Amino acid sequence: MYYSIEQVAAQLHKTKRQIQYLIQQGLANPMNKDTYRRDGGYRFTEEEVERIIDHFSMEGLTVKEAARYLGITPQYIMHFVKKGELSSLVTYKGKQKRRYFTKEEIDRFKNILNDTREVNQEGIYGRKVQLISREAHIFEETSVNGSMARVISISPLQVLTEEGEFIAVEHIPSLIKPYDKKVIRKRGFVEFQFPIPRHYKHPVYQVLFQIIQQLGERNIQIYEQAYGDYYVRCRLGSVQLTEEEYRILQRHIVKGEMEYRNGNIYFHSGEVQKTVYVPKMLYEQVMIWADKKENTFDEIMCKALERYINEEK
């Protein structure tokens, strides 16, 4: 017997959207995750429904579920537990030992991981650019001493003038209201690399300013690279830009895909989800290597496939 997403939601006293979120986070596993559109919706086995119900009858996530939520391996989770950096609750069912983590603890630890990853990303992409402060928004146009200028640094506050000079200022008359956009949860990024413009009116500045305004600062990362480029990573949302601005993005995209439709640009990661069955021994070897390199299983497998294909050419 198979259950629909509506039936699962009813049994758990949750909404359909909440169950979809659990699927996205890997905490609920329908049997037809790859074919649910063709099948007319998700289908769950009776065993999976019972597992989900058991999970929600407990206050917390198992090691495996916490690992999925954090995007790291169970072995790596236990590494942090042993170091005392992640707190857990141990219970016994008969002689079977079970370890659980509260959602609050996992969310706290996720913030720490994100901060660590951000530091690591700075080593990969360059110096991260601050996008907003109480005084200004990056790349906004402003007036300084009666002349037009462009904000090119938030801390310290600096502008690029129409004469091409970089000057430090204490305050600018910003009229832009703060924007509060939710974090886009869809997995992946589309990435661009732009030479840093030397004229305050350069269209690249306006394109980046519009993307920040429309996506929100939590959905875009901008890095300044040593050799004079901006490296930009955008979460998979959509923005409204002109055809000319779309062509600017086309010339500088380095990873992912874009779709232009009726004045809207939709960002796609260019990745395809595919379920692959691998031998248990190979899986365990990959997980050990992933822990050592601090990569995910997917990252290690993709690198291995790319290397194999390149060698076979």
C-alpha atoms as a PDB file:
ATOM      1  CA  MET A   1       0.000   0.000   0.000  1.00  0.00           C
ATOM      2  CA  TYR A   2       1.246   3.463  -0.887  1.00  0.00           C
ATOM      3  CA  TYR A   3       0.326   6.810   0.658  1.00  0.00           C
ATOM      4  CA  SER A   4      -0.059  10.190  -1.056  1.00  0.00           C
ATOM      5  CA  ILE A   5       1.492  13.359   0.334  1.00  0.00           C
ATOM      6  CA  GLU A   6      -1.967  14.494   1.466  1.00  0.00           C
ATOM      7  CA  GLN A   7      -2.469  11.284   3.443  1.00  0.00           C
ATOM      8  CA  VAL A   8       0.947  11.608   5.078  1.00  0.00           C
ATOM      9  CA  ALA A   9       0.224  15.243   5.980  1.00  0.00           C
ATOM     10  CA  ALA A  10      -3.103  14.229   7.545  1.00  0.00           C
ATOM     11  CA  GLN A  11      -1.490  11.487   9.646  1.00  0.00           C
ATOM     12  CA  LEU A  12       1.198  13.866  10.902  1.00  0.00           C
ATOM     13  CA  HIS A  13      -1.241  16.767  11.426  1.00  0.00           C
ATOM     14  CA  LYS A  14       0.917  18.895   9.141  1.00  0.00           C
ATOM     15  CA  THR A  15       0.324  20.801   5.907  1.00  0.00           C
ATOM     16  CA  LYS A  16       1.227  19.550   2.453  1.00  0.00           C
ATOM     17  CA  ARG A  17       3.842  22.315   2.210  1.00  0.00           C
ATOM     18  CA  GLN A  18       5.488  21.147   5.439  1.00  0.00           C
ATOM     19  CA  ILE A  19       5.812  17.613   4.046  1.00  0.00           C
ATOM     20  CA  GLN A  20       7.310  19.033   0.822  1.00  0.00           C
ATOM     21  CA  TYR A  21       9.854  20.880   2.960  1.00  0.00           C
ATOM     22  CA  LEU A  22      10.761  17.629   4.741  1.00  0.00           C
ATOM     23  CA  ILE A  23      11.327  16.016   1.334  1.00  0.00           C
ATOM     24  CA  GLN A  24      13.582  18.901   0.232  1.00  0.00           C
ATOM     25  CA  GLN A  25      15.608  18.525   3.448  1.00  0.00           C
ATOM     26  CA  GLY A  26      15.915  14.757   3.002  1.00  0.00           C
ATOM     27  CA  LEU A  27      13.875  14.053   6.155  1.00  0.00           C
ATOM     28  CA  ALA A  28      11.043  12.326   4.257  1.00  0.00           C
ATOM     29  CA  ASN A  29      11.811   9.892   1.462  1.00  0.00           C
ATOM     30  CA  PRO A  30       9.086   9.125  -1.100  1.00  0.00           C
ATOM     31  CA  MET A  31       9.674   6.049  -3.223  1.00  0.00           C
ATOM     32  CA  ASN A  32       9.266   8.046  -6.464  1.00  0.00           C
ATOM     33  CA  LYS A  33      11.356  11.135  -5.785  1.00  0.00           C
ATOM     34  CA  ASP A  34      12.675  11.190  -9.369  1.00  0.00           C
ATOM     35  CA  THR A  35       9.366  10.425 -11.114  1.00  0.00           C
ATOM     36  CA  TYR A  36       6.719  12.068  -8.922  1.00  0.00           C
ATOM     37  CA  ARG A  37       5.626  14.519 -11.636  1.00  0.00           C
ATOM     38  CA  ARG A  38       4.978  11.709 -14.075  1.00  0.00           C
ATOM     39  CA  ASP A  39       3.241   9.690 -11.346  1.00  0.00           C
ATOM     40  CA  GLY A  40       0.894  12.520 -10.413  1.00  0.00           C
ATOM     41  CA  GLY A  41       2.445  13.151  -6.994  1.00  0.00           C
ATOM     42  CA  TYR A  42       4.675  11.682  -4.328  1.00  0.00           C
ATOM     43  CA  ARG A  43       4.091   8.127  -3.104  1.00  0.00           C
ATOM     44  CA  PHE A  44       5.254   6.820   0.270  1.00  0.00           C
ATOM     45  CA  THR A  45       5.600   3.228   1.423  1.00  0.00           C
ATOM     46  CA  GLU A  46       3.890   2.149   4.629  1.00  0.00           C
ATOM     47  CA  GLU A  47       7.302   1.600   6.246  1.00  0.00           C
ATOM     48  CA  GLU A  48       8.413   5.148   5.407  1.00  0.00           C
ATOM     49  CA  VAL A  49       5.218   6.641   6.830  1.00  0.00           C
ATOM     50  CA  GLU A  50       5.757   4.694  10.064  1.00  0.00           C
ATOM     51  CA  ARG A  51       9.368   5.905  10.206  1.00  0.00           C
ATOM     52  CA  ILE A  52       8.282   9.537   9.805  1.00  0.00           C
ATOM     53  CA  ILE A  53       5.609   9.147  12.481  1.00  0.00           C
ATOM     54  CA  ASP A  54       8.152   7.567  14.854  1.00  0.00           C
ATOM     55  CA  HIS A  55      10.502  10.426  14.158  1.00  0.00           C
ATOM     56  CA  PHE A  56       7.945  13.094  15.011  1.00  0.00           C
ATOM     57  CA  SER A  57       6.897  11.268  18.136  1.00  0.00           C
ATOM     58  CA  MET A  58      10.422  11.927  19.421  1.00  0.00           C
ATOM     59  CA  GLU A  59      11.808  15.333  20.282  1.00  0.00           C
ATOM     60  CA  GLY A  60      14.747  15.550  17.925  1.00  0.00           C
ATOM     61  CA  LEU A  61      16.582  14.309  14.845  1.00  0.00           C
ATOM     62  CA  THR A  62      18.581  11.106  14.508  1.00  0.00           C
ATOM     63  CA  VAL A  63      22.253  11.225  13.538  1.00  0.00           C
ATOM     64  CA  LYS A  64      21.377  10.377   9.942  1.00  0.00           C
ATOM     65  CA  GLU A  65      18.603  12.982   9.732  1.00  0.00           C
ATOM     66  CA  ALA A  66      20.784  15.670  11.318  1.00  0.00           C
ATOM     67  CA  ALA A  67      23.531  14.863   8.807  1.00  0.00           C
ATOM     68  CA  ARG A  68      21.115  15.284   5.899  1.00  0.00           C
ATOM     69  CA  TYR A  69      19.835  18.557   7.293  1.00  0.00           C
ATOM     70  CA  LEU A  70      23.364  19.932   7.728  1.00  0.00           C
ATOM     71  CA  GLY A  71      24.668  18.558   4.429  1.00  0.00           C
ATOM     72  CA  ILE A  72      27.508  16.596   6.038  1.00  0.00           C
ATOM     73  CA  THR A  73      28.127  12.911   6.731  1.00  0.00           C
ATOM     74  CA  PRO A  74      26.995  11.008   9.865  1.00  0.00           C
ATOM     75  CA  GLN A  75      30.664  10.294  10.608  1.00  0.00           C
ATOM     76  CA  TYR A  76      31.402  14.012  10.551  1.00  0.00           C
ATOM     77  CA  ILE A  77      28.445  14.645  12.891  1.00  0.00           C
ATOM     78  CA  MET A  78      29.926  12.194  15.411  1.00  0.00           C
ATOM     79  CA  HIS A  79      33.311  13.875  15.054  1.00  0.00           C
ATOM     80  CA  PHE A  80      31.785  17.106  16.398  1.00  0.00           C
ATOM     81  CA  VAL A  81      29.873  15.224  19.111  1.00  0.00           C
ATOM     82  CA  LYS A  82      33.102  13.635  20.380  1.00  0.00           C
ATOM     83  CA  LYS A  83      34.819  17.037  20.371  1.00  0.00           C
ATOM     84  CA  GLY A  84      31.984  18.425  22.495  1.00  0.00           C
ATOM     85  CA  GLU A  85      30.964  20.972  19.848  1.00  0.00           C
ATOM     86  CA  LEU A  86      27.526  19.435  19.247  1.00  0.00           C
ATOM     87  CA  SER A  87      25.182  18.361  22.049  1.00  0.00           C
ATOM     88  CA  SER A  88      22.917  15.315  21.780  1.00  0.00           C
ATOM     89  CA  LEU A  89      20.519  13.196  23.799  1.00  0.00           C
ATOM     90  CA  VAL A  90      21.090   9.440  24.127  1.00  0.00           C
ATOM     91  CA  THR A  91      18.164   7.080  24.809  1.00  0.00           C
ATOM     92  CA  TYR A  92      17.829   3.318  24.935  1.00  0.00           C
ATOM     93  CA  LYS A  93      15.094   1.184  23.406  1.00  0.00           C
ATOM     94  CA  GLY A  94      15.734  -2.211  24.924  1.00  0.00           C
ATOM     95  CA  LYS A  95      19.448  -2.705  24.392  1.00  0.00           C
ATOM     96  CA  GLN A  96      19.525  -0.443  21.341  1.00  0.00           C
ATOM     97  CA  LYS A  97      21.237   2.912  21.828  1.00  0.00           C
ATOM     98  CA  ARG A  98      19.746   5.902  19.998  1.00  0.00           C
ATOM     99  CA  ARG A  99      21.144   9.412  19.742  1.00  0.00           C
ATOM    100  CA  TYR A 100      18.976  12.457  19.052  1.00  0.00           C
ATOM    101  CA  PHE A 101      19.608  16.160  18.472  1.00  0.00           C
ATOM    102  CA  THR A 102      17.151  18.935  19.184  1.00  0.00           C
ATOM    103  CA  LYS A 103      16.178  21.110  16.232  1.00  0.00           C
ATOM    104  CA  GLU A 104      17.419  24.176  18.132  1.00  0.00           C
ATOM    105  CA  GLU A 105      20.860  22.613  18.638  1.00  0.00           C
ATOM    106  CA  ILE A 106      21.142  21.609  14.984  1.00  0.00           C
ATOM    107  CA  ASP A 107      20.117  25.098  13.838  1.00  0.00           C
ATOM    108  CA  ARG A 108      22.724  26.613  16.187  1.00  0.00           C
ATOM    109  CA  PHE A 109      25.411  24.337  14.804  1.00  0.00           C
ATOM    110  CA  LYS A 110      24.309  25.005  11.226  1.00  0.00           C
ATOM    111  CA  ASN A 111      25.027  28.702  11.730  1.00  0.00           C
ATOM    112  CA  ILE A 112      28.542  27.822  12.936  1.00  0.00           C
ATOM    113  CA  LEU A 113      29.099  25.592   9.898  1.00  0.00           C
ATOM    114  CA  ASN A 114      27.870  28.316   7.561  1.00  0.00           C
ATOM    115  CA  ASP A 115      30.305  30.808   9.117  1.00  0.00           C
ATOM    116  CA  THR A 116      33.161  28.307   8.697  1.00  0.00           C
ATOM    117  CA  ARG A 117      32.199  27.613   5.088  1.00  0.00           C
ATOM    118  CA  GLU A 118      32.060  31.353   4.443  1.00  0.00           C
ATOM    119  CA  VAL A 119      35.661  31.713   5.636  1.00  0.00           C
ATOM    120  CA  ASN A 120      36.682  28.796   3.406  1.00  0.00           C
ATOM    121  CA  GLN A 121      34.842  30.355   0.458  1.00  0.00           C
ATOM    122  CA  GLU A 122      36.788  33.572   0.920  1.00  0.00           C
ATOM    123  CA  GLY A 123      39.922  31.527   0.346  1.00  0.00           C
ATOM    124  CA  ILE A 124      38.421  30.143  -2.865  1.00  0.00           C
ATOM    125  CA  TYR A 125      36.660  33.168  -4.346  1.00  0.00           C
ATOM    126  CA  GLY A 126      38.404  36.199  -2.848  1.00  0.00           C
ATOM    127  CA  ARG A 127      37.538  38.867  -0.283  1.00  0.00           C
ATOM    128  CA  LYS A 128      33.838  38.968   0.495  1.00  0.00           C
ATOM    129  CA  VAL A 129      32.165  42.302  -0.224  1.00  0.00           C
ATOM    130  CA  GLN A 130      29.799  43.713   2.410  1.00  0.00           C
ATOM    131  CA  LEU A 131      26.506  44.533   0.687  1.00  0.00           C
ATOM    132  CA  ILE A 132      24.583  46.730   3.094  1.00  0.00           C
ATOM    133  CA  SER A 133      24.889  48.864   6.213  1.00  0.00           C
ATOM    134  CA  ARG A 134      22.745  51.457   7.946  1.00  0.00           C
ATOM    135  CA  GLU A 135      24.459  54.163   5.919  1.00  0.00           C
ATOM    136  CA  ALA A 136      24.551  52.734   2.406  1.00  0.00           C
ATOM    137  CA  HIS A 137      23.941  49.937  -0.062  1.00  0.00           C
ATOM    138  CA  ILE A 138      26.755  48.647  -2.233  1.00  0.00           C
ATOM    139  CA  PHE A 139      26.738  49.928  -5.837  1.00  0.00           C
ATOM    140  CA  GLU A 140      24.028  52.538  -5.248  1.00  0.00           C
ATOM    141  CA  GLU A 141      24.390  55.894  -6.993  1.00  0.00           C
ATOM    142  CA  THR A 142      24.793  58.891  -4.726  1.00  0.00           C
ATOM    143  CA  SER A 143      25.932  62.498  -4.644  1.00  0.00           C
ATOM    144  CA  VAL A 144      29.225  63.572  -3.057  1.00  0.00           C
ATOM    145  CA  ASN A 145      30.253  67.240  -2.945  1.00  0.00           C
ATOM    146  CA  GLY A 146      27.726  68.041  -5.656  1.00  0.00           C
ATOM    147  CA  SER A 147      28.982  65.352  -8.053  1.00  0.00           C
ATOM    148  CA  MET A 148      27.570  61.916  -8.877  1.00  0.00           C
ATOM    149  CA  ALA A 149      29.356  58.851  -7.517  1.00  0.00           C
ATOM    150  CA  ARG A 150      28.917  55.115  -6.941  1.00  0.00           C
ATOM    151  CA  VAL A 151      29.326  53.306  -3.595  1.00  0.00           C
ATOM    152  CA  ILE A 152      32.027  50.676  -4.111  1.00  0.00           C
ATOM    153  CA  SER A 153      32.811  49.823  -0.470  1.00  0.00           C
ATOM    154  CA  ILE A 154      30.668  49.732   2.665  1.00  0.00           C
ATOM    155  CA  SER A 155      33.351  49.264   5.312  1.00  0.00           C
ATOM    156  CA  PRO A 156      35.210  51.546   5.006  1.00  0.00           C
ATOM    157  CA  LEU A 157      32.678  53.699   3.159  1.00  0.00           C
ATOM    158  CA  GLN A 158      34.153  54.605  -0.234  1.00  0.00           C
ATOM    159  CA  VAL A 159      32.784  55.871  -3.524  1.00  0.00           C
ATOM    160  CA  LEU A 160      33.929  56.009  -7.134  1.00  0.00           C
ATOM    161  CA  THR A 161      33.381  59.527  -8.472  1.00  0.00           C
ATOM    162  CA  GLU A 162      32.446  60.576 -11.994  1.00  0.00           C
ATOM    163  CA  GLU A 163      36.063  61.776 -12.354  1.00  0.00           C
ATOM    164  CA  GLY A 164      37.250  58.204 -11.723  1.00  0.00           C
ATOM    165  CA  GLU A 165      38.622  58.860  -8.238  1.00  0.00           C
ATOM    166  CA  PHE A 166      38.202  56.545  -5.247  1.00  0.00           C
ATOM    167  CA  ILE A 167      37.509  58.608  -2.143  1.00  0.00           C
ATOM    168  CA  ALA A 168      36.576  57.797   1.448  1.00  0.00           C
ATOM    169  CA  VAL A 169      33.463  59.465   2.864  1.00  0.00           C
ATOM    170  CA  GLU A 170      31.868  59.521   6.310  1.00  0.00           C
ATOM    171  CA  HIS A 171      28.247  59.696   5.187  1.00  0.00           C
ATOM    172  CA  ILE A 172      26.139  59.637   2.029  1.00  0.00           C
ATOM    173  CA  PRO A 173      22.507  60.725   1.547  1.00  0.00           C
ATOM    174  CA  SER A 174      21.071  57.248   0.879  1.00  0.00           C
ATOM    175  CA  LEU A 175      17.351  57.158   0.076  1.00  0.00           C
ATOM    176  CA  ILE A 176      17.126  53.399  -0.412  1.00  0.00           C
ATOM    177  CA  LYS A 177      14.955  51.483   2.030  1.00  0.00           C
ATOM    178  CA  PRO A 178      16.310  48.259   3.570  1.00  0.00           C
ATOM    179  CA  TYR A 179      15.081  45.147   1.776  1.00  0.00           C
ATOM    180  CA  ASP A 180      14.121  42.024   3.675  1.00  0.00           C
ATOM    181  CA  LYS A 181      13.986  38.972   1.411  1.00  0.00           C
ATOM    182  CA  LYS A 182      13.687  35.389   2.580  1.00  0.00           C
ATOM    183  CA  VAL A 183      16.552  32.989   1.943  1.00  0.00           C
ATOM    184  CA  ILE A 184      15.961  31.012  -1.257  1.00  0.00           C
ATOM    185  CA  ARG A 185      16.090  27.348  -0.237  1.00  0.00           C
ATOM    186  CA  LYS A 186      16.454  25.832  -3.690  1.00  0.00           C
ATOM    187  CA  ARG A 187      19.796  24.075  -3.906  1.00  0.00           C
ATOM    188  CA  GLY A 188      22.627  25.505  -6.004  1.00  0.00           C
ATOM    189  CA  PHE A 189      23.969  28.783  -7.383  1.00  0.00           C
ATOM    190  CA  VAL A 190      24.479  30.520 -10.694  1.00  0.00           C
ATOM    191  CA  GLU A 191      27.865  32.247 -10.808  1.00  0.00           C
ATOM    192  CA  PHE A 192      29.358  35.184 -12.719  1.00  0.00           C
ATOM    193  CA  GLN A 193      32.749  36.832 -13.049  1.00  0.00           C
ATOM    194  CA  PHE A 194      32.958  40.530 -13.966  1.00  0.00           C
ATOM    195  CA  PRO A 195      36.014  42.753 -14.428  1.00  0.00           C
ATOM    196  CA  ILE A 196      35.669  45.497 -11.812  1.00  0.00           C
ATOM    197  CA  PRO A 197      34.464  48.609 -13.717  1.00  0.00           C
ATOM    198  CA  ARG A 198      36.479  51.815 -13.489  1.00  0.00           C
ATOM    199  CA  HIS A 199      33.637  54.175 -14.412  1.00  0.00           C
ATOM    200  CA  TYR A 200      30.850  54.887 -11.958  1.00  0.00           C
ATOM    201  CA  LYS A 201      28.225  54.713 -14.755  1.00  0.00           C
ATOM    202  CA  HIS A 202      29.320  51.296 -16.028  1.00  0.00           C
ATOM    203  CA  PRO A 203      26.212  49.107 -16.579  1.00  0.00           C
ATOM    204  CA  VAL A 204      27.706  46.205 -14.594  1.00  0.00           C
ATOM    205  CA  TYR A 205      27.271  48.241 -11.407  1.00  0.00           C
ATOM    206  CA  GLN A 206      23.591  48.820 -12.151  1.00  0.00           C
ATOM    207  CA  VAL A 207      23.002  45.147 -13.019  1.00  0.00           C
ATOM    208  CA  LEU A 208      24.557  44.000  -9.740  1.00  0.00           C
ATOM    209  CA  PHE A 209      22.667  46.653  -7.791  1.00  0.00           C
ATOM    210  CA  GLN A 210      19.357  45.486  -9.297  1.00  0.00           C
ATOM    211  CA  ILE A 211      20.090  41.826  -8.545  1.00  0.00           C
ATOM    212  CA  ILE A 212      20.906  42.616  -4.908  1.00  0.00           C
ATOM    213  CA  GLN A 213      17.724  44.686  -4.577  1.00  0.00           C
ATOM    214  CA  GLN A 214      15.517  42.001  -6.092  1.00  0.00           C
ATOM    215  CA  LEU A 215      17.063  38.815  -4.682  1.00  0.00           C
ATOM    216  CA  GLY A 216      17.959  40.277  -1.289  1.00  0.00           C
ATOM    217  CA  GLU A 217      21.382  40.381   0.333  1.00  0.00           C
ATOM    218  CA  ARG A 218      21.005  36.871   1.801  1.00  0.00           C
ATOM    219  CA  ASN A 219      20.692  35.376  -1.674  1.00  0.00           C
ATOM    220  CA  ILE A 220      23.777  36.830  -3.335  1.00  0.00           C
ATOM    221  CA  GLN A 221      27.481  36.701  -2.489  1.00  0.00           C
ATOM    222  CA  ILE A 222      30.019  39.041  -4.085  1.00  0.00           C
ATOM    223  CA  TYR A 223      33.775  38.543  -3.782  1.00  0.00           C
ATOM    224  CA  GLU A 224      36.560  40.883  -4.866  1.00  0.00           C
ATOM    225  CA  GLN A 225      39.400  38.906  -6.420  1.00  0.00           C
ATOM    226  CA  ALA A 226      43.087  39.757  -6.328  1.00  0.00           C
ATOM    227  CA  TYR A 227      43.403  40.351 -10.082  1.00  0.00           C
ATOM    228  CA  GLY A 228      40.565  42.843 -10.361  1.00  0.00           C
ATOM    229  CA  ASP A 229      37.343  40.844 -10.815  1.00  0.00           C
ATOM    230  CA  TYR A 230      34.052  40.528  -8.968  1.00  0.00           C
ATOM    231  CA  TYR A 231      33.008  36.908  -8.470  1.00  0.00           C
ATOM    232  CA  VAL A 232      29.242  36.765  -7.928  1.00  0.00           C
ATOM    233  CA  ARG A 233      27.170  33.817  -6.658  1.00  0.00           C
ATOM    234  CA  CYS A 234      23.360  34.070  -6.852  1.00  0.00           C
ATOM    235  CA  ARG A 235      20.833  31.679  -5.363  1.00  0.00           C
ATOM    236  CA  LEU A 236      18.275  30.231  -7.744  1.00  0.00           C
ATOM    237  CA  GLY A 237      15.630  32.944  -7.817  1.00  0.00           C
ATOM    238  CA  SER A 238      14.448  35.286 -10.560  1.00  0.00           C
ATOM    239  CA  VAL A 239      14.981  38.976 -11.358  1.00  0.00           C
ATOM    240  CA  GLN A 240      13.452  41.503 -13.737  1.00  0.00           C
ATOM    241  CA  LEU A 241      16.046  43.056 -16.054  1.00  0.00           C
ATOM    242  CA  THR A 242      16.168  44.466 -19.571  1.00  0.00           C
ATOM    243  CA  GLU A 243      17.361  42.433 -22.551  1.00  0.00           C
ATOM    244  CA  GLU A 244      20.573  44.473 -22.612  1.00  0.00           C
ATOM    245  CA  GLU A 245      21.206  43.695 -18.937  1.00  0.00           C
ATOM    246  CA  TYR A 246      20.485  40.018 -19.643  1.00  0.00           C
ATOM    247  CA  ARG A 247      23.130  40.067 -22.386  1.00  0.00           C
ATOM    248  CA  ILE A 248      25.626  41.495 -19.890  1.00  0.00           C
ATOM    249  CA  LEU A 249      24.958  38.539 -17.604  1.00  0.00           C
ATOM    250  CA  GLN A 250      25.261  36.128 -20.540  1.00  0.00           C
ATOM    251  CA  ARG A 251      28.743  37.413 -21.338  1.00  0.00           C
ATOM    252  CA  HIS A 252      29.965  36.815 -17.798  1.00  0.00           C
ATOM    253  CA  ILE A 253      28.260  33.637 -16.588  1.00  0.00           C
ATOM    254  CA  VAL A 254      30.775  30.967 -15.520  1.00  0.00           C
ATOM    255  CA  LYS A 255      28.559  28.387 -13.817  1.00  0.00           C
ATOM    256  CA  GLY A 256      24.877  27.495 -14.025  1.00  0.00           C
ATOM    257  CA  GLU A 257      22.226  28.556 -16.517  1.00  0.00           C
ATOM    258  CA  MET A 258      19.772  31.394 -17.155  1.00  0.00           C
ATOM    259  CA  GLU A 259      16.419  31.585 -18.865  1.00  0.00           C
ATOM    260  CA  TYR A 260      14.991  34.877 -20.161  1.00  0.00           C
ATOM    261  CA  ARG A 261      11.205  34.954 -20.420  1.00  0.00           C
ATOM    262  CA  ASN A 262       8.866  37.954 -20.617  1.00  0.00           C
ATOM    263  CA  GLY A 263      11.312  40.317 -18.958  1.00  0.00           C
ATOM    264  CA  ASN A 264      12.159  37.874 -16.172  1.00  0.00           C
ATOM    265  CA  ILE A 265      15.495  36.101 -15.804  1.00  0.00           C
ATOM    266  CA  TYR A 266      15.325  32.732 -14.059  1.00  0.00           C
ATOM    267  CA  PHE A 267      18.510  31.333 -12.539  1.00  0.00           C
ATOM    268  CA  HIS A 268      19.184  27.585 -12.726  1.00  0.00           C
ATOM    269  CA  SER A 269      22.103  25.632 -11.295  1.00  0.00           C
ATOM    270  CA  GLY A 270      22.474  23.448 -14.400  1.00  0.00           C
ATOM    271  CA  GLU A 271      22.474  20.378 -12.161  1.00  0.00           C
ATOM    272  CA  VAL A 272      20.253  17.312 -12.564  1.00  0.00           C
ATOM    273  CA  GLN A 273      19.171  15.154  -9.635  1.00  0.00           C
ATOM    274  CA  LYS A 274      19.784  11.462 -10.281  1.00  0.00           C
ATOM    275  CA  THR A 275      19.511   8.493  -7.926  1.00  0.00           C
ATOM    276  CA  VAL A 276      22.481   6.147  -8.255  1.00  0.00           C
ATOM    277  CA  TYR A 277      22.982   2.836  -6.469  1.00  0.00           C
ATOM    278  CA  VAL A 278      26.598   2.131  -5.462  1.00  0.00           C
ATOM    279  CA  PRO A 279      28.172  -0.865  -3.672  1.00  0.00           C
ATOM    280  CA  LYS A 280      28.227  -0.446   0.099  1.00  0.00           C
ATOM    281  CA  MET A 281      32.016  -0.810   0.288  1.00  0.00           C
ATOM    282  CA  LEU A 282      32.526   1.910  -2.345  1.00  0.00           C
ATOM    283  CA  TYR A 283      30.067   4.171  -0.548  1.00  0.00           C
ATOM    284  CA  GLU A 284      31.931   3.785   2.747  1.00  0.00           C
ATOM    285  CA  GLN A 285      35.261   4.532   1.040  1.00  0.00           C
ATOM    286  CA  VAL A 286      33.827   7.678  -0.540  1.00  0.00           C
ATOM    287  CA  MET A 287      32.391   8.839   2.794  1.00  0.00           C
ATOM    288  CA  ILE A 288      35.766   8.407   4.519  1.00  0.00           C
ATOM    289  CA  TRP A 289      37.427  10.432   1.753  1.00  0.00           C
ATOM    290  CA  ALA A 290      34.663  13.061   1.911  1.00  0.00           C
ATOM    291  CA  ASP A 291      35.188  13.491   5.657  1.00  0.00           C
ATOM    292  CA  LYS A 292      38.932  13.854   5.161  1.00  0.00           C
ATOM    293  CA  LYS A 293      38.468  16.505   2.463  1.00  0.00           C
ATOM    294  CA  GLU A 294      35.468  18.134   4.217  1.00  0.00           C
ATOM    295  CA  ASN A 295      33.394  17.647   1.063  1.00  0.00           C
ATOM    296  CA  THR A 296      29.965  16.130   0.549  1.00  0.00           C
ATOM    297  CA  PHE A 297      29.387  12.739  -1.037  1.00  0.00           C
ATOM    298  CA  ASP A 298      28.000  14.458  -4.163  1.00  0.00           C
ATOM    299  CA  GLU A 299      31.064  16.700  -4.530  1.00  0.00           C
ATOM    300  CA  ILE A 300      33.483  13.767  -4.321  1.00  0.00           C
ATOM    301  CA  MET A 301      31.474  11.692  -6.814  1.00  0.00           C
ATOM    302  CA  CYS A 302      31.208  14.549  -9.328  1.00  0.00           C
ATOM    303  CA  LYS A 303      34.954  15.208  -9.148  1.00  0.00           C
ATOM    304  CA  ALA A 304      35.669  11.506  -9.664  1.00  0.00           C
ATOM    305  CA  LEU A 305      33.337  11.328 -12.677  1.00  0.00           C
ATOM    306  CA  GLU A 306      34.851  14.462 -14.231  1.00  0.00           C
ATOM    307  CA  ARG A 307      38.362  13.050 -13.802  1.00  0.00           C
ATOM    308  CA  TYR A 308      37.331   9.714 -15.338  1.00  0.00           C
ATOM    309  CA  ILE A 309      35.673  11.359 -18.351  1.00  0.00           C
ATOM    310  CA  ASN A 310      38.667  13.640 -18.957  1.00  0.00           C
ATOM    311  CA  GLU A 311      41.049  10.677 -18.835  1.00  0.00           C
ATOM    312  CA  GLU A 312      38.910   8.719 -21.314  1.00  0.00           C
ATOM    313  CA  LYS A 313      38.817  11.513 -23.906  1.00  0.00           C
END
